[in-house]
Amino acid sequence: MSVLKVIELMGNSTESFEKAVEDVISQASKTVNNIKSVYIQDMQVTVEDNQIVQYRVTTKVTFEISMQEAF
């Protein structure tokens, strides 16, 4: 039996939504092991002078934890 945990993380990038998601995974993997999936909950952009200057994502990161960590 496996136990999964879900955490909500936000990320941003000046390049693209894809890069913002990659950054979320990259940063999360520094302290979170066994990442199984990332659900994109929300996407938004920041605009200045009619140009996109930042891409933002709100994600739900799912990872497996051992039974010892669960309790």
N, C-alpha and C. Protein backbone atom coordinates (compact mmCIF):
# COMPACT_ATOMS: atom_id res chain seq x y z
N MET A 1 0.85 -1.18 0.00
CA MET A 1 0.00 0.00 0.00
C MET A 1 0.89 1.24 0.00
N SER A 2 0.51 2.23 -0.79
CA SER A 2 1.28 3.47 -0.80
C SER A 2 0.41 4.61 -0.28
N VAL A 3 1.09 5.60 0.28
CA VAL A 3 0.42 6.79 0.78
C VAL A 3 0.95 7.96 -0.02
N LEU A 4 0.03 8.77 -0.53
CA LEU A 4 0.41 9.94 -1.32
C LEU A 4 0.05 11.21 -0.56
N LYS A 5 0.86 12.22 -0.75
CA LYS A 5 0.60 13.52 -0.13
C LYS A 5 0.56 14.56 -1.25
N VAL A 6 -0.28 15.58 -1.08
CA VAL A 6 -0.41 16.64 -2.07
C VAL A 6 -0.10 17.98 -1.40
N ILE A 7 0.78 18.75 -2.04
CA ILE A 7 1.08 20.09 -1.55
C ILE A 7 0.82 21.09 -2.69
N GLU A 8 0.45 22.29 -2.33
CA GLU A 8 0.21 23.33 -3.32
C GLU A 8 1.44 24.23 -3.40
N LEU A 9 1.95 24.42 -4.62
CA LEU A 9 3.12 25.26 -4.83
C LEU A 9 2.84 26.21 -5.98
N MET A 10 3.43 27.39 -5.91
CA MET A 10 3.31 28.37 -6.98
C MET A 10 4.69 28.60 -7.59
N GLY A 11 4.71 28.83 -8.90
CA GLY A 11 5.96 29.09 -9.58
C GLY A 11 5.78 30.18 -10.61
N ASN A 12 6.89 30.78 -11.03
CA ASN A 12 6.80 31.80 -12.07
C ASN A 12 8.02 31.77 -12.96
N SER A 13 7.89 32.36 -14.12
CA SER A 13 8.96 32.43 -15.10
C SER A 13 8.72 33.62 -16.01
N THR A 14 9.79 34.18 -16.52
CA THR A 14 9.65 35.25 -17.52
C THR A 14 9.61 34.67 -18.92
N GLU A 15 9.79 33.34 -19.05
CA GLU A 15 9.86 32.70 -20.36
C GLU A 15 8.55 32.07 -20.84
N SER A 16 7.94 31.21 -19.99
CA SER A 16 6.75 30.47 -20.43
C SER A 16 6.09 29.77 -19.25
N PHE A 17 4.86 29.28 -19.48
CA PHE A 17 4.18 28.47 -18.47
C PHE A 17 4.95 27.18 -18.24
N GLU A 18 5.43 26.59 -19.32
CA GLU A 18 6.18 25.33 -19.21
C GLU A 18 7.41 25.51 -18.32
N LYS A 19 8.13 26.59 -18.50
CA LYS A 19 9.31 26.87 -17.67
C LYS A 19 8.91 27.09 -16.21
N ALA A 20 7.78 27.72 -15.97
CA ALA A 20 7.30 27.93 -14.60
C ALA A 20 7.02 26.59 -13.92
N VAL A 21 6.41 25.66 -14.66
CA VAL A 21 6.14 24.32 -14.11
C VAL A 21 7.45 23.58 -13.87
N GLU A 22 8.37 23.66 -14.82
CA GLU A 22 9.67 23.01 -14.65
C GLU A 22 10.39 23.54 -13.41
N ASP A 23 10.27 24.83 -13.16
CA ASP A 23 10.90 25.43 -11.98
C ASP A 23 10.26 24.92 -10.69
N VAL A 24 8.94 24.75 -10.69
CA VAL A 24 8.25 24.19 -9.52
C VAL A 24 8.81 22.81 -9.22
N ILE A 25 8.90 21.97 -10.24
CA ILE A 25 9.39 20.61 -10.04
C ILE A 25 10.85 20.62 -9.59
N SER A 26 11.66 21.45 -10.22
CA SER A 26 13.08 21.54 -9.87
C SER A 26 13.27 21.96 -8.42
N GLN A 27 12.56 22.98 -8.00
CA GLN A 27 12.71 23.46 -6.62
C GLN A 27 12.12 22.47 -5.62
N ALA A 28 10.95 21.90 -5.93
CA ALA A 28 10.31 20.95 -5.01
C ALA A 28 11.18 19.72 -4.82
N SER A 29 11.82 19.26 -5.89
CA SER A 29 12.62 18.04 -5.81
C SER A 29 13.85 18.18 -4.93
N LYS A 30 14.20 19.40 -4.54
CA LYS A 30 15.33 19.60 -3.63
C LYS A 30 15.01 19.10 -2.22
N THR A 31 13.72 19.14 -1.86
CA THR A 31 13.34 18.71 -0.51
C THR A 31 12.25 17.63 -0.50
N VAL A 32 11.64 17.37 -1.65
CA VAL A 32 10.56 16.38 -1.74
C VAL A 32 11.03 15.22 -2.61
N ASN A 33 10.91 14.00 -2.09
CA ASN A 33 11.27 12.81 -2.85
C ASN A 33 10.04 12.16 -3.44
N ASN A 34 10.23 11.35 -4.45
CA ASN A 34 9.17 10.51 -5.04
C ASN A 34 8.01 11.31 -5.61
N ILE A 35 8.28 12.41 -6.30
CA ILE A 35 7.21 13.18 -6.95
C ILE A 35 6.58 12.31 -8.03
N LYS A 36 5.25 12.20 -8.00
CA LYS A 36 4.53 11.34 -8.93
C LYS A 36 3.80 12.12 -10.02
N SER A 37 3.28 13.31 -9.67
CA SER A 37 2.55 14.10 -10.67
C SER A 37 2.45 15.55 -10.22
N VAL A 38 2.17 16.40 -11.20
CA VAL A 38 1.94 17.82 -10.94
C VAL A 38 0.67 18.22 -11.68
N TYR A 39 -0.32 18.70 -10.95
CA TYR A 39 -1.58 19.17 -11.51
C TYR A 39 -1.52 20.69 -11.59
N ILE A 40 -1.77 21.23 -12.77
CA ILE A 40 -1.79 22.68 -12.94
C ILE A 40 -3.18 23.18 -12.57
N GLN A 41 -3.27 23.85 -11.45
CA GLN A 41 -4.56 24.32 -10.94
C GLN A 41 -4.96 25.65 -11.57
N ASP A 42 -3.98 26.53 -11.78
CA ASP A 42 -4.29 27.86 -12.29
C ASP A 42 -3.09 28.41 -13.05
N MET A 43 -3.37 29.19 -14.08
CA MET A 43 -2.32 29.84 -14.86
C MET A 43 -2.70 31.31 -15.03
N GLN A 44 -1.73 32.18 -14.88
CA GLN A 44 -1.98 33.61 -15.08
C GLN A 44 -0.72 34.29 -15.57
N VAL A 45 -0.88 35.47 -16.11
CA VAL A 45 0.26 36.24 -16.58
C VAL A 45 0.21 37.64 -15.98
N THR A 46 1.38 38.25 -15.88
CA THR A 46 1.50 39.65 -15.49
C THR A 46 1.84 40.42 -16.75
N VAL A 47 1.15 41.54 -16.97
CA VAL A 47 1.32 42.32 -18.20
C VAL A 47 1.78 43.73 -17.85
N GLU A 48 2.79 44.20 -18.58
CA GLU A 48 3.24 45.59 -18.48
C GLU A 48 3.43 46.13 -19.90
N ASP A 49 2.91 47.31 -20.15
CA ASP A 49 3.00 47.93 -21.48
C ASP A 49 2.51 46.99 -22.58
N ASN A 50 1.40 46.32 -22.30
CA ASN A 50 0.77 45.40 -23.25
C ASN A 50 1.64 44.20 -23.63
N GLN A 51 2.61 43.86 -22.79
CA GLN A 51 3.48 42.72 -23.04
C GLN A 51 3.48 41.81 -21.81
N ILE A 52 3.49 40.51 -22.05
CA ILE A 52 3.60 39.57 -20.94
C ILE A 52 5.00 39.66 -20.36
N VAL A 53 5.07 39.88 -19.05
CA VAL A 53 6.37 39.97 -18.39
C VAL A 53 6.63 38.80 -17.43
N GLN A 54 5.55 38.11 -17.06
CA GLN A 54 5.74 36.98 -16.15
C GLN A 54 4.59 35.98 -16.30
N TYR A 55 4.95 34.70 -16.33
CA TYR A 55 3.99 33.60 -16.38
C TYR A 55 3.96 32.98 -14.98
N ARG A 56 2.75 32.75 -14.48
CA ARG A 56 2.61 32.19 -13.13
C ARG A 56 1.72 30.96 -13.16
N VAL A 57 2.09 29.97 -12.35
CA VAL A 57 1.28 28.75 -12.23
C VAL A 57 1.06 28.43 -10.76
N THR A 58 -0.12 27.94 -10.48
CA THR A 58 -0.42 27.36 -9.17
C THR A 58 -0.58 25.87 -9.41
N THR A 59 0.18 25.06 -8.68
CA THR A 59 0.20 23.63 -8.92
C THR A 59 -0.14 22.84 -7.66
N LYS A 60 -0.52 21.61 -7.88
CA LYS A 60 -0.66 20.63 -6.80
C LYS A 60 0.32 19.52 -7.12
N VAL A 61 1.32 19.36 -6.25
CA VAL A 61 2.37 18.37 -6.45
C VAL A 61 2.05 17.16 -5.58
N THR A 62 1.98 15.98 -6.22
CA THR A 62 1.68 14.74 -5.52
C THR A 62 2.95 13.92 -5.42
N PHE A 63 3.21 13.41 -4.20
CA PHE A 63 4.39 12.57 -4.01
C PHE A 63 4.07 11.46 -3.02
N GLU A 64 4.83 10.39 -3.15
CA GLU A 64 4.63 9.22 -2.30
C GLU A 64 5.46 9.36 -1.04
N ILE A 65 4.85 9.00 0.08
CA ILE A 65 5.57 9.02 1.35
C ILE A 65 5.55 7.62 1.94
N SER A 66 6.52 7.34 2.77
CA SER A 66 6.55 6.04 3.44
C SER A 66 5.51 6.04 4.55
N MET A 67 5.11 4.87 4.94
CA MET A 67 4.10 4.75 6.01
C MET A 67 4.61 5.36 7.31
N GLN A 68 5.92 5.34 7.55
CA GLN A 68 6.47 5.92 8.78
C GLN A 68 6.30 7.45 8.77
N GLU A 69 6.41 8.07 7.59
CA GLU A 69 6.26 9.52 7.50
C GLU A 69 4.80 9.93 7.62
N ALA A 70 3.88 9.02 7.28
CA ALA A 70 2.46 9.35 7.24
C ALA A 70 1.87 9.59 8.61
N PHE A 71 2.48 9.01 9.65
CA PHE A 71 1.88 9.10 10.97
C PHE A 71 2.76 9.75 11.96
